[in-house]
Every structure is written in C-alpha cells, then in structure tokens.
N, C-alpha and C. Protein backbone atom coordinates (compact mmCIF):
# COMPACT_ATOMS: atom_id res chain seq x y z
N MET A 1 -58.77 9.21 12.90
CA MET A 1 -57.29 8.85 14.02
C MET A 1 -56.26 9.40 13.06
N ASP A 2 -55.55 9.50 13.99
CA ASP A 2 -53.74 10.01 13.60
C ASP A 2 -52.90 9.21 14.46
N ILE A 3 -51.92 9.97 13.14
CA ILE A 3 -50.72 9.59 13.39
C ILE A 3 -50.41 9.27 15.05
N ASN A 4 -50.82 10.34 15.62
CA ASN A 4 -51.00 9.50 17.18
C ASN A 4 -51.28 8.62 17.72
N ASP A 5 -52.83 8.44 17.34
CA ASP A 5 -53.20 6.85 17.79
C ASP A 5 -52.70 5.76 16.80
N ILE A 6 -51.66 6.41 16.05
CA ILE A 6 -51.35 4.88 15.88
C ILE A 6 -50.26 4.80 16.43
N LEU A 7 -49.32 5.17 17.15
CA LEU A 7 -48.60 5.45 17.82
C LEU A 7 -48.94 5.21 19.34
N ASP A 8 -49.63 5.52 19.87
CA ASP A 8 -50.25 4.86 20.98
C ASP A 8 -50.56 3.60 20.30
N TYR A 9 -51.05 2.89 19.83
CA TYR A 9 -51.73 1.81 19.64
C TYR A 9 -50.47 0.51 19.83
N LEU A 10 -49.58 1.37 18.79
CA LEU A 10 -48.18 0.42 18.59
C LEU A 10 -47.32 0.79 20.00
N ASN A 11 -47.66 1.27 21.15
CA ASN A 11 -46.78 1.47 22.46
C ASN A 11 -45.15 2.13 21.97
N LEU A 12 -45.91 3.60 21.66
CA LEU A 12 -44.17 3.54 20.21
C LEU A 12 -44.28 5.32 20.66
N SER A 13 -45.70 5.47 21.55
CA SER A 13 -45.84 7.28 21.76
C SER A 13 -44.72 8.83 21.96
N GLY A 14 -43.93 7.66 22.81
CA GLY A 14 -42.37 8.64 22.79
C GLY A 14 -41.69 8.45 21.77
N ALA A 15 -42.07 7.99 20.12
CA ALA A 15 -40.78 7.72 19.52
C ALA A 15 -40.25 8.71 18.74
N GLY A 16 -41.22 9.64 18.73
CA GLY A 16 -40.88 11.00 17.69
C GLY A 16 -40.54 12.02 19.20
N SER A 17 -39.77 11.62 20.22
CA SER A 17 -38.82 12.95 21.55
C SER A 17 -38.31 12.73 20.97
N VAL A 18 -36.65 13.63 21.44
CA VAL A 18 -35.67 13.49 21.51
C VAL A 18 -35.36 13.43 22.93
N GLN A 19 -34.37 12.14 22.82
CA GLN A 19 -34.29 11.98 24.64
C GLN A 19 -32.48 12.47 24.65
N GLN A 20 -32.22 12.45 25.71
CA GLN A 20 -31.04 13.25 26.51
C GLN A 20 -29.71 12.08 26.86
N PRO A 21 -28.33 12.50 25.96
CA PRO A 21 -27.37 11.24 26.20
C PRO A 21 -27.17 11.10 27.79
N PHE A 22 -26.64 9.53 27.80
CA PHE A 22 -26.55 9.43 29.28
C PHE A 22 -25.07 10.29 29.79
N SER A 23 -25.71 11.03 30.92
CA SER A 23 -24.84 11.64 31.15
C SER A 23 -23.37 11.07 31.47
N GLY A 24 -23.64 9.83 32.38
CA GLY A 24 -22.05 8.99 33.35
C GLY A 24 -21.37 8.50 31.78
N LEU A 25 -22.10 8.65 30.62
CA LEU A 25 -20.50 8.22 29.15
C LEU A 25 -20.51 9.19 27.99
N ASP A 26 -18.59 9.67 28.76
CA ASP A 26 -18.01 10.45 28.06
C ASP A 26 -17.29 9.56 27.06
N VAL A 27 -17.67 9.62 25.45
CA VAL A 27 -17.65 8.90 24.64
C VAL A 27 -16.16 9.91 23.96
N SER A 28 -15.58 11.03 24.65
CA SER A 28 -14.11 11.71 23.90
C SER A 28 -13.50 11.16 24.31
N ASN A 29 -13.34 10.79 25.06
CA ASN A 29 -12.16 10.31 25.92
C ASN A 29 -11.08 8.88 25.24
N THR A 30 -10.13 9.58 24.90
CA THR A 30 -9.06 8.94 23.27
C THR A 30 -9.21 8.33 24.90
N ASP A 31 -8.14 8.36 25.62
CA ASP A 31 -7.22 7.19 26.77
C ASP A 31 -7.98 5.73 26.38
N ASP A 32 -9.18 5.52 26.95
CA ASP A 32 -9.34 4.39 26.89
C ASP A 32 -9.17 3.97 25.69
N GLY A 33 -9.66 4.21 24.50
CA GLY A 33 -9.04 3.89 23.28
C GLY A 33 -7.92 2.90 23.43
N ALA A 34 -6.57 3.86 23.63
CA ALA A 34 -5.07 4.02 23.77
C ALA A 34 -5.10 2.28 24.87
N LEU A 35 -6.02 2.78 25.90
CA LEU A 35 -5.46 1.59 26.73
C LEU A 35 -6.37 0.26 26.11
N ILE A 36 -7.59 0.57 25.78
CA ILE A 36 -8.00 -1.31 24.64
C ILE A 36 -6.88 -1.60 23.98
N LEU A 37 -6.42 -0.58 22.61
CA LEU A 37 -5.74 -1.24 22.11
C LEU A 37 -3.93 -1.28 22.61
N ARG A 38 -3.55 -1.26 23.21
CA ARG A 38 -1.97 -1.74 24.14
C ARG A 38 -3.36 -3.68 24.97
N ALA A 39 -4.00 -3.62 24.92
CA ALA A 39 -4.64 -4.59 25.63
C ALA A 39 -4.88 -6.02 24.34
N ILE A 40 -5.32 -5.39 22.87
CA ILE A 40 -6.47 -6.32 22.06
C ILE A 40 -4.81 -6.23 21.60
N ASP A 41 -4.95 -7.73 20.20
CA ASP A 41 -4.01 -8.46 19.99
C ASP A 41 -5.08 -8.48 18.32
N LEU A 42 -4.91 -9.33 17.41
CA LEU A 42 -5.07 -10.40 16.56
C LEU A 42 -5.63 -11.87 16.84
N GLU A 43 -5.77 -11.92 18.67
CA GLU A 43 -5.96 -12.73 18.78
C GLU A 43 -7.99 -12.71 19.70
N PRO A 44 -8.49 -13.77 18.94
CA PRO A 44 -10.51 -12.57 19.98
C PRO A 44 -10.42 -12.60 20.81
N ARG A 45 -10.84 -11.31 21.71
CA ARG A 45 -10.35 -11.72 23.23
C ARG A 45 -11.71 -10.99 23.56
N HIS A 46 -12.18 -11.99 25.08
CA HIS A 46 -13.63 -10.92 25.23
C HIS A 46 -13.50 -9.97 25.55
N ILE A 47 -15.00 -9.17 25.66
CA ILE A 47 -14.61 -7.18 26.57
C ILE A 47 -15.01 -7.63 28.24
N ASP A 48 -15.13 -8.80 28.28
CA ASP A 48 -15.03 -8.63 30.41
C ASP A 48 -13.32 -8.48 29.99
N GLU A 49 -12.85 -9.21 28.96
CA GLU A 49 -11.17 -10.22 30.07
C GLU A 49 -11.15 -8.64 29.48
N LEU A 50 -11.47 -7.87 29.49
CA LEU A 50 -10.26 -6.37 27.80
C LEU A 50 -10.16 -5.62 29.27
N SER A 51 -11.54 -5.60 29.61
CA SER A 51 -12.64 -4.42 30.65
C SER A 51 -11.31 -4.81 32.15
N ARG A 52 -11.15 -5.98 32.61
CA ARG A 52 -10.24 -5.58 33.41
C ARG A 52 -9.10 -5.72 33.43
N GLN A 53 -8.77 -6.00 32.04
CA GLN A 53 -7.16 -6.25 31.73
C GLN A 53 -6.49 -4.55 31.74
N ALA A 54 -7.89 -3.91 30.89
CA ALA A 54 -7.62 -1.99 30.95
C ALA A 54 -7.87 -1.49 32.05
N SER A 55 -8.49 -2.28 32.95
CA SER A 55 -8.66 -1.69 34.55
C SER A 55 -10.23 -0.20 33.63
N LEU A 56 -11.14 -0.97 33.10
CA LEU A 56 -11.58 0.14 32.93
C LEU A 56 -13.57 -0.34 33.13
N SER A 57 -14.71 0.69 33.21
CA SER A 57 -16.07 -0.20 33.56
C SER A 57 -16.11 -0.36 32.12
N ILE A 58 -17.09 -1.82 31.72
CA ILE A 58 -17.53 -2.17 31.16
C ILE A 58 -18.06 -1.07 30.14
N THR A 59 -18.57 -0.15 30.82
CA THR A 59 -19.53 0.97 30.87
C THR A 59 -18.81 1.60 29.58
N ARG A 60 -17.30 2.08 29.69
CA ARG A 60 -15.85 2.83 29.34
C ARG A 60 -15.60 1.81 27.90
N VAL A 61 -16.10 0.46 27.79
CA VAL A 61 -14.75 -0.46 27.22
C VAL A 61 -15.61 -0.22 26.30
N THR A 62 -16.96 -0.49 26.20
CA THR A 62 -18.42 -0.61 25.03
C THR A 62 -18.38 1.13 24.57
N ALA A 63 -18.18 1.55 24.89
CA ALA A 63 -18.34 3.25 24.44
C ALA A 63 -16.76 3.24 24.06
N ALA A 64 -15.68 2.60 23.76
CA ALA A 64 -14.69 2.56 23.47
C ALA A 64 -14.06 1.42 21.98
N PHE A 65 -15.03 0.41 22.36
CA PHE A 65 -14.77 -0.14 20.68
C PHE A 65 -16.09 0.53 19.83
N ALA A 66 -17.13 0.87 20.50
CA ALA A 66 -17.57 1.73 19.62
C ALA A 66 -17.81 2.68 17.96
N LEU A 67 -15.92 3.31 19.38
CA LEU A 67 -15.22 4.35 18.30
C LEU A 67 -14.03 4.25 18.14
N LEU A 68 -13.29 2.73 18.33
CA LEU A 68 -12.64 2.44 17.80
C LEU A 68 -13.09 1.52 16.37
N GLU A 69 -14.49 1.21 15.72
CA GLU A 69 -15.65 1.11 15.35
C GLU A 69 -15.00 0.96 13.84
N LEU A 70 -15.83 2.28 14.51
CA LEU A 70 -16.16 3.33 13.35
C LEU A 70 -14.43 3.73 12.84
N LYS A 71 -13.59 3.61 13.62
CA LYS A 71 -11.68 4.29 13.24
C LYS A 71 -11.87 3.49 12.18
N VAL A 72 -12.76 2.25 12.29
CA VAL A 72 -11.71 0.73 11.93
C VAL A 72 -10.81 0.41 12.18
N GLN A 73 -10.21 -0.10 13.79
CA GLN A 73 -9.14 -0.13 13.79
C GLN A 73 -9.46 -2.03 15.02
N VAL A 74 -10.64 -1.84 15.28
CA VAL A 74 -11.15 -3.43 15.76
C VAL A 74 -12.15 -4.21 15.16
N LEU A 75 -12.50 -5.04 15.56
CA LEU A 75 -13.25 -5.49 14.44
C LEU A 75 -14.56 -6.43 15.65
N GLN A 76 -15.38 -6.49 15.49
CA GLN A 76 -16.20 -7.65 16.73
C GLN A 76 -16.22 -9.03 16.26
N VAL A 77 -16.32 -10.26 16.86
CA VAL A 77 -15.37 -11.03 15.64
C VAL A 77 -17.20 -12.20 16.25
N GLY A 78 -17.21 -11.68 16.98
CA GLY A 78 -19.17 -12.38 16.95
C GLY A 78 -18.63 -13.16 19.09
N ARG A 79 -20.18 -12.74 19.72
CA ARG A 79 -19.96 -13.16 21.08
C ARG A 79 -19.78 -12.38 21.72
N MET A 80 -19.49 -11.20 21.73
CA MET A 80 -18.29 -9.97 21.99
C MET A 80 -16.99 -9.95 22.04
N ASN A 81 -16.49 -10.64 21.29
CA ASN A 81 -15.01 -10.66 21.55
C ASN A 81 -14.78 -9.95 19.90
N TYR A 82 -12.97 -9.14 20.32
CA TYR A 82 -13.07 -8.16 19.68
C TYR A 82 -11.88 -8.84 19.02
N ILE A 83 -10.82 -8.33 17.86
CA ILE A 83 -9.45 -8.40 17.29
C ILE A 83 -9.03 -7.13 17.04
N ARG A 84 -7.94 -6.85 17.05
CA ARG A 84 -6.92 -5.32 15.95
C ARG A 84 -7.20 -6.08 15.23
N LEU A 85 -7.64 -5.44 13.76
CA LEU A 85 -7.51 -5.00 12.95
C LEU A 85 -5.77 -4.71 12.42
N ARG A 86 -5.13 -5.76 11.42
CA ARG A 86 -3.98 -5.76 10.89
C ARG A 86 -3.53 -3.42 10.72
N GLU A 87 -4.44 -3.68 10.04
CA GLU A 87 -3.88 -2.14 9.37
C GLU A 87 -3.61 -1.44 11.45
N ALA A 88 -4.83 -1.87 11.84
CA ALA A 88 -3.91 -0.90 13.15
C ALA A 88 -3.08 -1.05 14.05
N ALA A 89 -2.88 -2.43 13.84
CA ALA A 89 -1.60 -3.04 15.18
C ALA A 89 -0.68 -2.10 14.32
N ALA A 90 -0.58 -3.19 12.96
CA ALA A 90 0.60 -1.96 12.24
C ALA A 90 1.35 -0.72 12.72
N GLU A 91 0.16 0.19 12.63
CA GLU A 91 0.34 1.45 12.92
C GLU A 91 0.63 1.96 13.52
N GLY A 92 0.35 1.12 15.27
CA GLY A 92 0.47 1.92 15.81
C GLY A 92 -1.09 1.97 17.05
N HIS A 93 -2.53 2.87 17.15
CA HIS A 93 -3.32 3.36 18.26
C HIS A 93 -3.89 4.52 17.12
N SER A 94 -3.52 4.91 16.16
CA SER A 94 -3.95 6.16 14.96
C SER A 94 -4.91 5.14 14.24
N SER A 95 -5.79 6.10 14.00
CA SER A 95 -7.06 6.02 13.08
C SER A 95 -6.34 5.82 11.79
N ILE A 96 -7.04 4.47 10.75
CA ILE A 96 -6.65 4.60 9.49
C ILE A 96 -7.67 5.14 9.05
N ALA A 97 -8.48 6.14 8.72
CA ALA A 97 -8.98 6.56 8.05
C ALA A 97 -8.92 8.25 7.59
C-alpha cells in the first residue's frame, strides 16, 4: 500500500494535481471593485443587491469582494451581507495596506 492507494480509497486521487484557473474570471479588474465600493456603505447589504446595483454578474462581484476583503476594504458580516469598512469609506476606494 502506498500514498496513491490511500488517495484512491479516500476518493482524492486528483488532490495533488494542478488545476487550471477559471478562464472566465478576471480578478485583476479593479473597475469592478470601484463599482462595488460606490454601491456599498456601512449598512449591511446582500451580495445579490450589490450585484444588481453595480450591474455586474455574481461571479464578478464575488471575485471583487475577495480582493476587497484582502485589501481590508469590505467585510462580510454574515449570510453574504457586506459592509464597507470605515477606513475605506473615509479614504475613498484606496487600499489600506
């Protein structure tokens, strides 16, 4: 028995393989983040509402939120509701790092 047998048994045989990134998602697009930051404030807003207001697909909004969370500009406060952090609100949409 070797590691491959264990991975097969656990149905994880592809766990070590490198996956290609999803080609339809451009996470380098900062315009999406700017649109989101204009649509969000200190009151919790659901991601679907923000998607509609910014006229962006949910995929693009999710990617933008991931980057904005890494930049500490927004915070998920539960059940896909987000708020803009005070520091980001005070500084426009520049990053805090």
